[in-house]
């Protein structure tokens, strides 16, 4: 059970913060930067969910992903990959892969690259996808890491891409790249 009695602690006023193991690090430490970007991705997914409330299956997937991202953050804030702390699991990764496959069968194969856009929901899914990709790049700089974190973020960006196509009426409203169209 989590209990938060105070939000303002003044502990970070000097530019450092505590990791989950109590270690103090600078707020520009690679681990803290990656945590911030994972948090940003979660916030964008929250924004996306304001456009999926009428789609219970997709909204439920996104709710699970938001919870997974908090688990991922709890894992990321404690250096190492073992111990009795909350860790991201292979089961979470496998569930994400299964959801990607289930959605993928609903959309036709691509014959061009897809530009971010279409419906509002799809555009937010693309925004979440690129923030997740940035989190993935930032996690690469973090030492002592549960490798499942990196794999989860990689699958999540795939998930958000396919979800964007689903939210674009199963690809019918995808905005396709037209190479050289503006020459």
N, C-alpha and C. Protein backbone atom coordinates (compact mmCIF):
# COMPACT_ATOMS: atom_id res chain seq x y z
N UNK A 1 0.85 -1.18 0.00
CA UNK A 1 0.00 0.00 0.00
C UNK A 1 0.88 1.23 0.00
N UNK A 2 0.58 2.14 -0.86
CA UNK A 2 1.32 3.39 -0.95
C UNK A 2 0.57 4.44 -0.14
N UNK A 3 1.32 5.21 0.62
CA UNK A 3 0.72 6.30 1.38
C UNK A 3 1.61 7.52 1.19
N UNK A 4 1.00 8.60 0.71
CA UNK A 4 1.74 9.84 0.48
C UNK A 4 1.11 10.91 1.36
N UNK A 5 1.85 11.30 2.41
CA UNK A 5 1.34 12.30 3.34
C UNK A 5 1.70 13.71 2.92
N UNK A 6 2.87 13.85 2.27
CA UNK A 6 3.33 15.18 1.86
C UNK A 6 3.82 15.12 0.43
N UNK A 7 3.48 16.14 -0.33
CA UNK A 7 3.99 16.25 -1.69
C UNK A 7 5.21 17.14 -1.71
N UNK A 8 5.15 18.24 -0.99
CA UNK A 8 6.29 19.15 -0.92
C UNK A 8 7.21 18.70 0.21
N UNK A 9 8.39 18.20 -0.15
CA UNK A 9 9.35 17.71 0.86
C UNK A 9 10.59 18.59 0.96
N UNK A 10 10.83 19.38 -0.06
CA UNK A 10 12.03 20.24 -0.16
C UNK A 10 13.32 19.42 -0.31
N UNK A 11 13.21 18.10 -0.40
CA UNK A 11 14.38 17.24 -0.52
C UNK A 11 15.14 17.42 -1.83
N UNK A 12 14.47 17.88 -2.85
CA UNK A 12 15.11 18.04 -4.15
C UNK A 12 15.48 19.47 -4.48
N UNK A 13 15.38 20.36 -3.52
CA UNK A 13 15.66 21.77 -3.78
C UNK A 13 17.10 22.04 -4.22
N UNK A 14 18.01 21.15 -3.89
CA UNK A 14 19.41 21.32 -4.26
C UNK A 14 19.77 20.67 -5.59
N UNK A 15 18.78 20.11 -6.28
CA UNK A 15 19.04 19.51 -7.59
C UNK A 15 19.29 18.02 -7.56
N UNK A 16 19.03 17.39 -6.42
CA UNK A 16 19.17 15.94 -6.37
C UNK A 16 17.87 15.33 -5.87
N UNK A 17 17.79 14.00 -5.98
CA UNK A 17 16.58 13.28 -5.59
C UNK A 17 16.98 11.90 -5.10
N UNK A 18 16.05 11.19 -4.52
CA UNK A 18 16.31 9.84 -4.01
C UNK A 18 15.80 8.79 -4.98
N UNK A 19 16.61 7.76 -5.17
CA UNK A 19 16.16 6.58 -5.90
C UNK A 19 15.40 5.68 -4.94
N UNK A 20 14.82 4.61 -5.46
CA UNK A 20 14.04 3.70 -4.64
C UNK A 20 14.83 2.97 -3.57
N UNK A 21 16.15 2.91 -3.71
CA UNK A 21 16.98 2.25 -2.70
C UNK A 21 17.54 3.26 -1.70
N UNK A 22 17.09 4.53 -1.78
CA UNK A 22 17.55 5.57 -0.86
C UNK A 22 18.76 6.35 -1.33
N UNK A 23 19.43 5.88 -2.36
CA UNK A 23 20.60 6.56 -2.90
C UNK A 23 20.21 7.93 -3.45
N UNK A 24 21.00 8.96 -3.15
CA UNK A 24 20.75 10.31 -3.67
C UNK A 24 21.55 10.49 -4.96
N UNK A 25 20.87 11.00 -5.99
CA UNK A 25 21.52 11.25 -7.28
C UNK A 25 21.04 12.60 -7.81
N UNK A 26 21.80 13.13 -8.75
CA UNK A 26 21.42 14.39 -9.39
C UNK A 26 20.16 14.18 -10.23
N UNK A 27 19.35 15.23 -10.33
CA UNK A 27 18.13 15.13 -11.12
C UNK A 27 18.40 14.98 -12.61
N UNK A 28 19.65 15.22 -13.03
CA UNK A 28 19.99 14.99 -14.43
C UNK A 28 20.76 13.68 -14.62
N UNK A 29 20.71 12.81 -13.63
CA UNK A 29 21.26 11.47 -13.74
C UNK A 29 20.48 10.71 -14.82
N UNK A 30 21.15 9.88 -15.64
CA UNK A 30 20.44 9.16 -16.70
C UNK A 30 19.22 8.38 -16.22
N UNK A 31 19.30 7.81 -15.03
CA UNK A 31 18.16 7.04 -14.51
C UNK A 31 16.97 7.96 -14.24
N UNK A 32 17.23 9.14 -13.68
CA UNK A 32 16.17 10.08 -13.37
C UNK A 32 15.58 10.66 -14.65
N UNK A 33 16.43 10.92 -15.63
CA UNK A 33 15.94 11.42 -16.93
C UNK A 33 15.02 10.38 -17.57
N UNK A 34 15.43 9.11 -17.56
CA UNK A 34 14.59 8.05 -18.13
C UNK A 34 13.28 7.93 -17.36
N UNK A 35 13.33 8.02 -16.04
CA UNK A 35 12.10 7.97 -15.24
C UNK A 35 11.15 9.09 -15.63
N UNK A 36 11.69 10.28 -15.84
CA UNK A 36 10.87 11.41 -16.23
C UNK A 36 10.20 11.20 -17.58
N UNK A 37 10.90 10.60 -18.50
CA UNK A 37 10.33 10.38 -19.83
C UNK A 37 9.28 9.26 -19.79
N UNK A 38 9.49 8.25 -18.96
CA UNK A 38 8.46 7.22 -18.77
C UNK A 38 7.21 7.86 -18.18
N UNK A 39 7.38 8.76 -17.23
CA UNK A 39 6.26 9.48 -16.64
C UNK A 39 5.54 10.32 -17.71
N UNK A 40 6.33 10.97 -18.56
CA UNK A 40 5.75 11.76 -19.66
C UNK A 40 4.93 10.88 -20.60
N UNK A 41 5.46 9.71 -20.93
CA UNK A 41 4.72 8.78 -21.79
C UNK A 41 3.40 8.38 -21.14
N UNK A 42 3.44 8.12 -19.84
CA UNK A 42 2.24 7.76 -19.12
C UNK A 42 1.21 8.89 -19.17
N UNK A 43 1.68 10.13 -19.05
CA UNK A 43 0.77 11.28 -19.11
C UNK A 43 0.13 11.41 -20.50
N UNK A 44 0.91 11.17 -21.55
CA UNK A 44 0.35 11.25 -22.90
C UNK A 44 -0.67 10.12 -23.10
N UNK A 45 -0.39 8.95 -22.55
CA UNK A 45 -1.37 7.86 -22.65
C UNK A 45 -2.64 8.24 -21.88
N UNK A 46 -2.50 8.93 -20.77
CA UNK A 46 -3.68 9.43 -20.06
C UNK A 46 -4.49 10.37 -20.93
N UNK A 47 -3.80 11.23 -21.67
CA UNK A 47 -4.48 12.13 -22.61
C UNK A 47 -5.15 11.32 -23.72
N UNK A 48 -4.47 10.33 -24.25
CA UNK A 48 -5.05 9.45 -25.26
C UNK A 48 -6.34 8.81 -24.74
N UNK A 49 -6.33 8.41 -23.48
CA UNK A 49 -7.50 7.73 -22.91
C UNK A 49 -8.73 8.64 -22.85
N UNK A 50 -8.54 9.94 -22.90
CA UNK A 50 -9.72 10.81 -22.95
C UNK A 50 -10.45 10.65 -24.29
N UNK A 51 -9.78 10.02 -25.26
CA UNK A 51 -10.38 9.78 -26.58
C UNK A 51 -10.74 8.31 -26.79
N UNK A 52 -10.53 7.45 -25.79
CA UNK A 52 -10.86 6.03 -25.96
C UNK A 52 -11.92 5.55 -24.97
N UNK A 53 -12.52 6.46 -24.22
CA UNK A 53 -13.53 6.07 -23.22
C UNK A 53 -14.70 5.30 -23.85
N UNK A 54 -15.03 5.61 -25.10
CA UNK A 54 -16.13 4.94 -25.79
C UNK A 54 -15.68 3.63 -26.46
N UNK A 55 -14.42 3.26 -26.26
CA UNK A 55 -13.87 2.02 -26.82
C UNK A 55 -13.33 1.19 -25.66
N UNK A 56 -14.19 0.41 -25.00
CA UNK A 56 -13.77 -0.26 -23.76
C UNK A 56 -12.57 -1.19 -23.90
N UNK A 57 -12.44 -1.90 -25.02
CA UNK A 57 -11.30 -2.81 -25.17
C UNK A 57 -9.99 -2.04 -25.22
N UNK A 58 -9.94 -1.01 -26.06
CA UNK A 58 -8.72 -0.22 -26.20
C UNK A 58 -8.42 0.53 -24.91
N UNK A 59 -9.46 1.07 -24.27
CA UNK A 59 -9.26 1.82 -23.03
C UNK A 59 -8.73 0.90 -21.92
N UNK A 60 -9.23 -0.32 -21.86
CA UNK A 60 -8.75 -1.27 -20.85
C UNK A 60 -7.27 -1.62 -21.10
N UNK A 61 -6.89 -1.79 -22.37
CA UNK A 61 -5.47 -2.04 -22.67
C UNK A 61 -4.62 -0.88 -22.18
N UNK A 62 -5.07 0.34 -22.48
CA UNK A 62 -4.30 1.52 -22.09
C UNK A 62 -4.23 1.67 -20.57
N UNK A 63 -5.30 1.32 -19.88
CA UNK A 63 -5.28 1.37 -18.41
C UNK A 63 -4.24 0.39 -17.87
N UNK A 64 -4.18 -0.82 -18.45
CA UNK A 64 -3.17 -1.80 -18.02
C UNK A 64 -1.77 -1.28 -18.30
N UNK A 65 -1.59 -0.66 -19.46
CA UNK A 65 -0.28 -0.12 -19.82
C UNK A 65 0.13 0.99 -18.85
N UNK A 66 -0.80 1.86 -18.49
CA UNK A 66 -0.45 2.92 -17.54
C UNK A 66 0.02 2.32 -16.22
N UNK A 67 -0.66 1.28 -15.77
CA UNK A 67 -0.24 0.62 -14.53
C UNK A 67 1.12 -0.04 -14.71
N UNK A 68 1.32 -0.69 -15.86
CA UNK A 68 2.63 -1.29 -16.16
C UNK A 68 3.74 -0.24 -16.13
N UNK A 69 3.45 0.95 -16.65
CA UNK A 69 4.48 1.99 -16.67
C UNK A 69 4.84 2.45 -15.26
N UNK A 70 3.89 2.41 -14.34
CA UNK A 70 4.25 2.69 -12.94
C UNK A 70 5.10 1.56 -12.38
N UNK A 71 4.76 0.30 -12.71
CA UNK A 71 5.61 -0.82 -12.29
C UNK A 71 7.01 -0.66 -12.88
N UNK A 72 7.07 -0.28 -14.16
CA UNK A 72 8.35 -0.07 -14.83
C UNK A 72 9.15 1.01 -14.11
N UNK A 73 8.49 2.10 -13.73
CA UNK A 73 9.16 3.18 -13.00
C UNK A 73 9.66 2.72 -11.65
N UNK A 74 8.87 1.90 -10.96
CA UNK A 74 9.30 1.37 -9.66
C UNK A 74 10.53 0.49 -9.83
N UNK A 75 10.56 -0.27 -10.91
CA UNK A 75 11.71 -1.12 -11.22
C UNK A 75 12.92 -0.25 -11.57
N UNK A 76 12.71 0.71 -12.43
CA UNK A 76 13.79 1.57 -12.91
C UNK A 76 14.42 2.40 -11.79
N UNK A 77 13.66 2.74 -10.77
CA UNK A 77 14.20 3.61 -9.72
C UNK A 77 15.06 2.86 -8.71
N UNK A 78 15.18 1.54 -8.88
CA UNK A 78 16.05 0.74 -8.01
C UNK A 78 17.10 0.07 -8.89
N UNK A 79 18.37 0.49 -8.78
CA UNK A 79 19.41 -0.11 -9.62
C UNK A 79 19.49 -1.63 -9.47
N UNK A 80 19.80 -2.30 -10.57
CA UNK A 80 19.94 -3.75 -10.57
C UNK A 80 18.73 -4.42 -11.15
N UNK A 81 18.79 -5.75 -11.20
CA UNK A 81 17.67 -6.48 -11.78
C UNK A 81 17.13 -7.54 -10.84
N UNK A 82 17.63 -7.62 -9.64
CA UNK A 82 17.16 -8.61 -8.69
C UNK A 82 16.58 -7.97 -7.45
N UNK A 83 16.48 -8.73 -6.42
CA UNK A 83 15.98 -8.20 -5.16
C UNK A 83 14.48 -8.40 -5.01
N UNK A 84 13.99 -7.95 -3.87
CA UNK A 84 12.58 -8.17 -3.57
C UNK A 84 11.71 -6.95 -3.90
N UNK A 85 12.26 -6.01 -4.63
CA UNK A 85 11.48 -4.84 -5.07
C UNK A 85 10.57 -5.23 -6.23
N UNK A 86 9.60 -4.37 -6.50
CA UNK A 86 8.71 -4.58 -7.64
C UNK A 86 9.53 -4.52 -8.93
N UNK A 87 9.42 -5.54 -9.76
CA UNK A 87 10.13 -5.61 -11.02
C UNK A 87 9.14 -5.87 -12.15
N UNK A 88 9.40 -5.29 -13.30
CA UNK A 88 8.62 -5.58 -14.49
C UNK A 88 8.87 -7.04 -14.86
N UNK A 89 7.84 -7.74 -15.28
CA UNK A 89 7.97 -9.18 -15.51
C UNK A 89 7.79 -9.54 -16.98
N UNK A 90 8.23 -10.73 -17.29
CA UNK A 90 8.05 -11.25 -18.65
C UNK A 90 6.57 -11.41 -18.98
N UNK A 91 5.74 -11.70 -17.99
CA UNK A 91 4.31 -11.86 -18.22
C UNK A 91 3.71 -10.56 -18.76
N UNK A 92 4.16 -9.42 -18.24
CA UNK A 92 3.66 -8.13 -18.73
C UNK A 92 4.10 -7.91 -20.18
N UNK A 93 5.32 -8.30 -20.48
CA UNK A 93 5.84 -8.19 -21.84
C UNK A 93 5.06 -9.09 -22.79
N UNK A 94 4.80 -10.31 -22.39
CA UNK A 94 4.07 -11.26 -23.24
C UNK A 94 2.63 -10.80 -23.47
N UNK A 95 2.00 -10.23 -22.46
CA UNK A 95 0.64 -9.71 -22.64
C UNK A 95 0.63 -8.61 -23.69
N UNK A 96 1.62 -7.72 -23.62
CA UNK A 96 1.72 -6.63 -24.59
C UNK A 96 1.89 -7.19 -26.01
N UNK A 97 2.76 -8.18 -26.17
CA UNK A 97 2.96 -8.81 -27.48
C UNK A 97 1.68 -9.44 -28.00
N UNK A 98 0.93 -10.10 -27.13
CA UNK A 98 -0.33 -10.73 -27.54
C UNK A 98 -1.34 -9.67 -27.98
N UNK A 99 -1.37 -8.54 -27.28
CA UNK A 99 -2.29 -7.46 -27.68
C UNK A 99 -1.91 -6.89 -29.03
N UNK A 100 -0.62 -6.74 -29.29
CA UNK A 100 -0.17 -6.24 -30.60
C UNK A 100 -0.66 -7.19 -31.70
N UNK A 101 -0.46 -8.48 -31.50
CA UNK A 101 -0.87 -9.46 -32.51
C UNK A 101 -2.38 -9.45 -32.72
N UNK A 102 -3.14 -9.35 -31.64
CA UNK A 102 -4.60 -9.33 -31.75
C UNK A 102 -5.08 -8.11 -32.52
N UNK A 103 -4.45 -6.96 -32.31
CA UNK A 103 -4.83 -5.74 -33.03
C UNK A 103 -4.36 -5.79 -34.48
N UNK A 104 -3.18 -6.35 -34.70
CA UNK A 104 -2.59 -6.34 -36.03
C UNK A 104 -3.46 -7.05 -37.06
N UNK A 105 -4.15 -8.08 -36.67
CA UNK A 105 -4.97 -8.81 -37.63
C UNK A 105 -6.15 -7.98 -38.13
N UNK A 106 -6.51 -6.92 -37.42
CA UNK A 106 -7.64 -6.08 -37.81
C UNK A 106 -7.27 -5.02 -38.84
N UNK A 107 -5.98 -4.80 -39.04
CA UNK A 107 -5.55 -3.73 -39.95
C UNK A 107 -4.85 -4.33 -41.17
N UNK A 108 -5.08 -3.73 -42.34
CA UNK A 108 -4.42 -4.27 -43.54
C UNK A 108 -2.92 -3.99 -43.52
N UNK A 109 -2.15 -4.79 -44.26
CA UNK A 109 -0.71 -4.54 -44.34
C UNK A 109 -0.45 -3.15 -44.93
N UNK A 110 0.65 -2.56 -44.52
CA UNK A 110 1.01 -1.22 -45.02
C UNK A 110 1.70 -1.31 -46.37
N UNK A 111 1.44 -0.31 -47.19
CA UNK A 111 2.12 -0.17 -48.48
C UNK A 111 2.87 1.15 -48.55
N UNK A 112 2.87 1.85 -47.42
CA UNK A 112 3.59 3.12 -47.29
C UNK A 112 3.82 3.36 -45.81
N UNK A 113 4.71 4.29 -45.50
CA UNK A 113 4.86 4.70 -44.11
C UNK A 113 3.65 5.52 -43.71
N UNK A 114 3.32 5.49 -42.44
CA UNK A 114 2.16 6.21 -41.91
C UNK A 114 2.65 7.48 -41.22
N UNK A 115 2.04 8.60 -41.55
CA UNK A 115 2.33 9.86 -40.87
C UNK A 115 1.45 9.96 -39.63
N UNK A 116 1.94 10.56 -38.56
CA UNK A 116 1.09 10.73 -37.38
C UNK A 116 -0.11 11.59 -37.73
N UNK A 117 -1.29 11.12 -37.40
CA UNK A 117 -2.50 11.89 -37.67
C UNK A 117 -3.68 10.98 -37.87
N UNK A 118 -4.66 11.51 -38.60
CA UNK A 118 -5.92 10.80 -38.78
C UNK A 118 -6.89 11.29 -37.74
N UNK A 119 -7.39 10.39 -36.90
CA UNK A 119 -8.30 10.78 -35.83
C UNK A 119 -7.50 11.40 -34.69
N UNK A 120 -8.20 12.13 -33.83
CA UNK A 120 -7.53 12.70 -32.64
C UNK A 120 -6.89 11.60 -31.81
N UNK A 121 -7.63 10.51 -31.61
CA UNK A 121 -7.11 9.41 -30.80
C UNK A 121 -5.84 8.83 -31.41
N UNK A 122 -5.83 8.63 -32.72
CA UNK A 122 -4.64 8.08 -33.38
C UNK A 122 -3.46 9.03 -33.26
N UNK A 123 -3.72 10.32 -33.41
CA UNK A 123 -2.64 11.30 -33.28
C UNK A 123 -2.02 11.25 -31.88
N UNK A 124 -2.85 11.11 -30.85
CA UNK A 124 -2.32 10.99 -29.48
C UNK A 124 -1.58 9.67 -29.28
N UNK A 125 -2.04 8.60 -29.93
CA UNK A 125 -1.32 7.33 -29.86
C UNK A 125 0.07 7.48 -30.47
N UNK A 126 0.16 8.21 -31.59
CA UNK A 126 1.47 8.45 -32.21
C UNK A 126 2.35 9.31 -31.30
N UNK A 127 1.76 10.30 -30.66
CA UNK A 127 2.54 11.13 -29.73
C UNK A 127 3.08 10.28 -28.59
N UNK A 128 2.23 9.43 -28.03
CA UNK A 128 2.68 8.54 -26.97
C UNK A 128 3.80 7.62 -27.47
N UNK A 129 3.65 7.14 -28.71
CA UNK A 129 4.66 6.25 -29.30
C UNK A 129 6.03 6.92 -29.37
N UNK A 130 6.08 8.18 -29.81
CA UNK A 130 7.39 8.81 -29.95
C UNK A 130 7.99 9.15 -28.58
N UNK A 131 7.16 9.43 -27.59
CA UNK A 131 7.68 9.65 -26.24
C UNK A 131 8.23 8.34 -25.68
N UNK A 132 7.55 7.23 -25.94
CA UNK A 132 8.05 5.92 -25.51
C UNK A 132 9.37 5.61 -26.19
N UNK A 133 9.51 5.94 -27.48
CA UNK A 133 10.77 5.72 -28.19
C UNK A 133 11.91 6.53 -27.54
N UNK A 134 11.60 7.76 -27.12
CA UNK A 134 12.62 8.56 -26.44
C UNK A 134 12.98 7.92 -25.10
N UNK A 135 11.99 7.44 -24.37
CA UNK A 135 12.27 6.76 -23.10
C UNK A 135 13.16 5.55 -23.34
N UNK A 136 12.89 4.82 -24.40
CA UNK A 136 13.70 3.64 -24.74
C UNK A 136 15.16 4.05 -24.97
N UNK A 137 15.37 5.13 -25.72
CA UNK A 137 16.75 5.59 -25.96
C UNK A 137 17.42 6.03 -24.66
N UNK A 138 16.67 6.68 -23.80
CA UNK A 138 17.25 7.16 -22.54
C UNK A 138 17.55 6.01 -21.58
N UNK A 139 16.73 4.98 -21.59
CA UNK A 139 16.97 3.82 -20.73
C UNK A 139 18.29 3.14 -21.10
N UNK A 140 18.68 3.22 -22.35
CA UNK A 140 19.95 2.62 -22.78
C UNK A 140 21.15 3.18 -22.02
N UNK A 141 21.05 4.40 -21.51
CA UNK A 141 22.15 5.03 -20.78
C UNK A 141 22.16 4.67 -19.30
N UNK A 142 21.19 3.89 -18.85
CA UNK A 142 21.05 3.56 -17.43
C UNK A 142 21.81 2.28 -17.10
N UNK A 143 22.77 2.35 -16.17
CA UNK A 143 23.48 1.13 -15.77
C UNK A 143 22.64 0.29 -14.80
N UNK A 144 23.02 -0.96 -14.64
CA UNK A 144 22.36 -1.86 -13.68
C UNK A 144 20.85 -1.86 -13.89
N UNK A 145 20.44 -2.45 -15.00
CA UNK A 145 19.05 -2.34 -15.44
C UNK A 145 18.43 -3.72 -15.64
N UNK A 146 17.19 -3.86 -15.25
CA UNK A 146 16.40 -5.03 -15.61
C UNK A 146 16.14 -4.93 -17.11
N UNK A 147 16.68 -5.84 -17.91
CA UNK A 147 16.58 -5.76 -19.37
C UNK A 147 15.13 -5.87 -19.87
N UNK A 148 14.24 -6.39 -19.05
CA UNK A 148 12.83 -6.46 -19.45
C UNK A 148 12.27 -5.06 -19.67
N UNK A 149 12.80 -4.06 -18.98
CA UNK A 149 12.35 -2.68 -19.16
C UNK A 149 12.55 -2.25 -20.60
N UNK A 150 13.73 -2.47 -21.12
CA UNK A 150 14.03 -2.07 -22.50
C UNK A 150 13.15 -2.82 -23.49
N UNK A 151 12.97 -4.10 -23.28
CA UNK A 151 12.13 -4.90 -24.17
C UNK A 151 10.67 -4.43 -24.10
N UNK A 152 10.20 -4.11 -22.91
CA UNK A 152 8.81 -3.65 -22.76
C UNK A 152 8.61 -2.34 -23.51
N UNK A 153 9.52 -1.40 -23.35
CA UNK A 153 9.37 -0.12 -24.05
C UNK A 153 9.41 -0.30 -25.56
N UNK A 154 10.24 -1.20 -26.04
CA UNK A 154 10.31 -1.47 -27.48
C UNK A 154 8.97 -2.03 -27.98
N UNK A 155 8.39 -2.98 -27.24
CA UNK A 155 7.10 -3.54 -27.63
C UNK A 155 5.98 -2.51 -27.49
N UNK A 156 6.09 -1.66 -26.47
CA UNK A 156 5.05 -0.66 -26.26
C UNK A 156 4.97 0.32 -27.44
N UNK A 157 6.10 0.70 -27.99
CA UNK A 157 6.04 1.61 -29.14
C UNK A 157 5.37 0.91 -30.32
N UNK A 158 5.64 -0.39 -30.52
CA UNK A 158 4.94 -1.16 -31.56
C UNK A 158 3.43 -1.19 -31.27
N UNK A 159 3.10 -1.43 -30.02
CA UNK A 159 1.70 -1.50 -29.59
C UNK A 159 0.98 -0.20 -29.93
N UNK A 160 1.60 0.92 -29.59
CA UNK A 160 0.97 2.22 -29.82
C UNK A 160 0.85 2.52 -31.32
N UNK A 161 1.81 2.05 -32.11
CA UNK A 161 1.71 2.23 -33.56
C UNK A 161 0.51 1.47 -34.12
N UNK A 162 0.38 0.20 -33.74
CA UNK A 162 -0.73 -0.60 -34.24
C UNK A 162 -2.05 -0.06 -33.69
N UNK A 163 -2.05 0.35 -32.43
CA UNK A 163 -3.25 0.94 -31.85
C UNK A 163 -3.67 2.19 -32.61
N UNK A 164 -2.72 3.02 -33.02
CA UNK A 164 -3.04 4.22 -33.81
C UNK A 164 -3.76 3.83 -35.09
N UNK A 165 -3.31 2.77 -35.72
CA UNK A 165 -3.97 2.31 -36.95
C UNK A 165 -5.38 1.81 -36.66
N UNK A 166 -5.54 1.09 -35.55
CA UNK A 166 -6.87 0.63 -35.15
C UNK A 166 -7.78 1.83 -34.89
N UNK A 167 -7.25 2.85 -34.21
CA UNK A 167 -8.03 4.04 -33.89
C UNK A 167 -8.31 4.90 -35.13
N UNK A 168 -7.59 4.63 -36.20
CA UNK A 168 -7.86 5.28 -37.50
C UNK A 168 -8.78 4.39 -38.34
N UNK A 169 -9.82 3.90 -37.71
CA UNK A 169 -10.79 3.03 -38.39
C UNK A 169 -10.10 1.86 -39.07
N UNK A 170 -9.26 1.17 -38.29
CA UNK A 170 -8.51 -0.01 -38.77
C UNK A 170 -7.70 0.31 -40.02
N UNK A 171 -7.09 1.47 -40.03
CA UNK A 171 -6.20 1.86 -41.12
C UNK A 171 -6.86 2.66 -42.22
N UNK A 172 -8.18 2.70 -42.26
CA UNK A 172 -8.89 3.41 -43.34
C UNK A 172 -8.61 4.92 -43.32
N UNK A 173 -8.32 5.46 -42.14
CA UNK A 173 -8.06 6.89 -42.03
C UNK A 173 -6.59 7.20 -41.78
N UNK A 174 -5.72 6.21 -41.99
CA UNK A 174 -4.27 6.46 -41.87
C UNK A 174 -3.87 7.56 -42.84
N UNK A 175 -2.93 8.37 -42.40
CA UNK A 175 -2.36 9.41 -43.27
C UNK A 175 -1.06 8.81 -43.82
N UNK A 176 -1.02 8.57 -45.10
CA UNK A 176 0.13 7.88 -45.70
C UNK A 176 1.14 8.88 -46.26
N UNK A 177 2.40 8.50 -46.12
CA UNK A 177 3.50 9.28 -46.68
C UNK A 177 3.47 9.15 -48.19
N UNK A 178 3.63 10.26 -48.87
CA UNK A 178 3.72 10.26 -50.32
C UNK A 178 5.11 10.79 -50.67
N UNK A 179 6.07 9.91 -50.90
CA UNK A 179 7.45 10.33 -51.13
C UNK A 179 7.56 11.35 -52.27
N UNK A 180 8.23 12.45 -51.98
CA UNK A 180 8.48 13.47 -52.98
C UNK A 180 7.26 14.26 -53.42
N UNK A 181 6.16 14.18 -52.69
CA UNK A 181 4.91 14.82 -53.11
C UNK A 181 5.00 16.34 -53.18
N UNK A 182 5.93 16.93 -52.47
CA UNK A 182 5.99 18.40 -52.41
C UNK A 182 7.22 18.97 -53.11
N UNK A 183 7.77 18.26 -54.04
CA UNK A 183 8.95 18.73 -54.76
C UNK A 183 8.57 19.82 -55.75
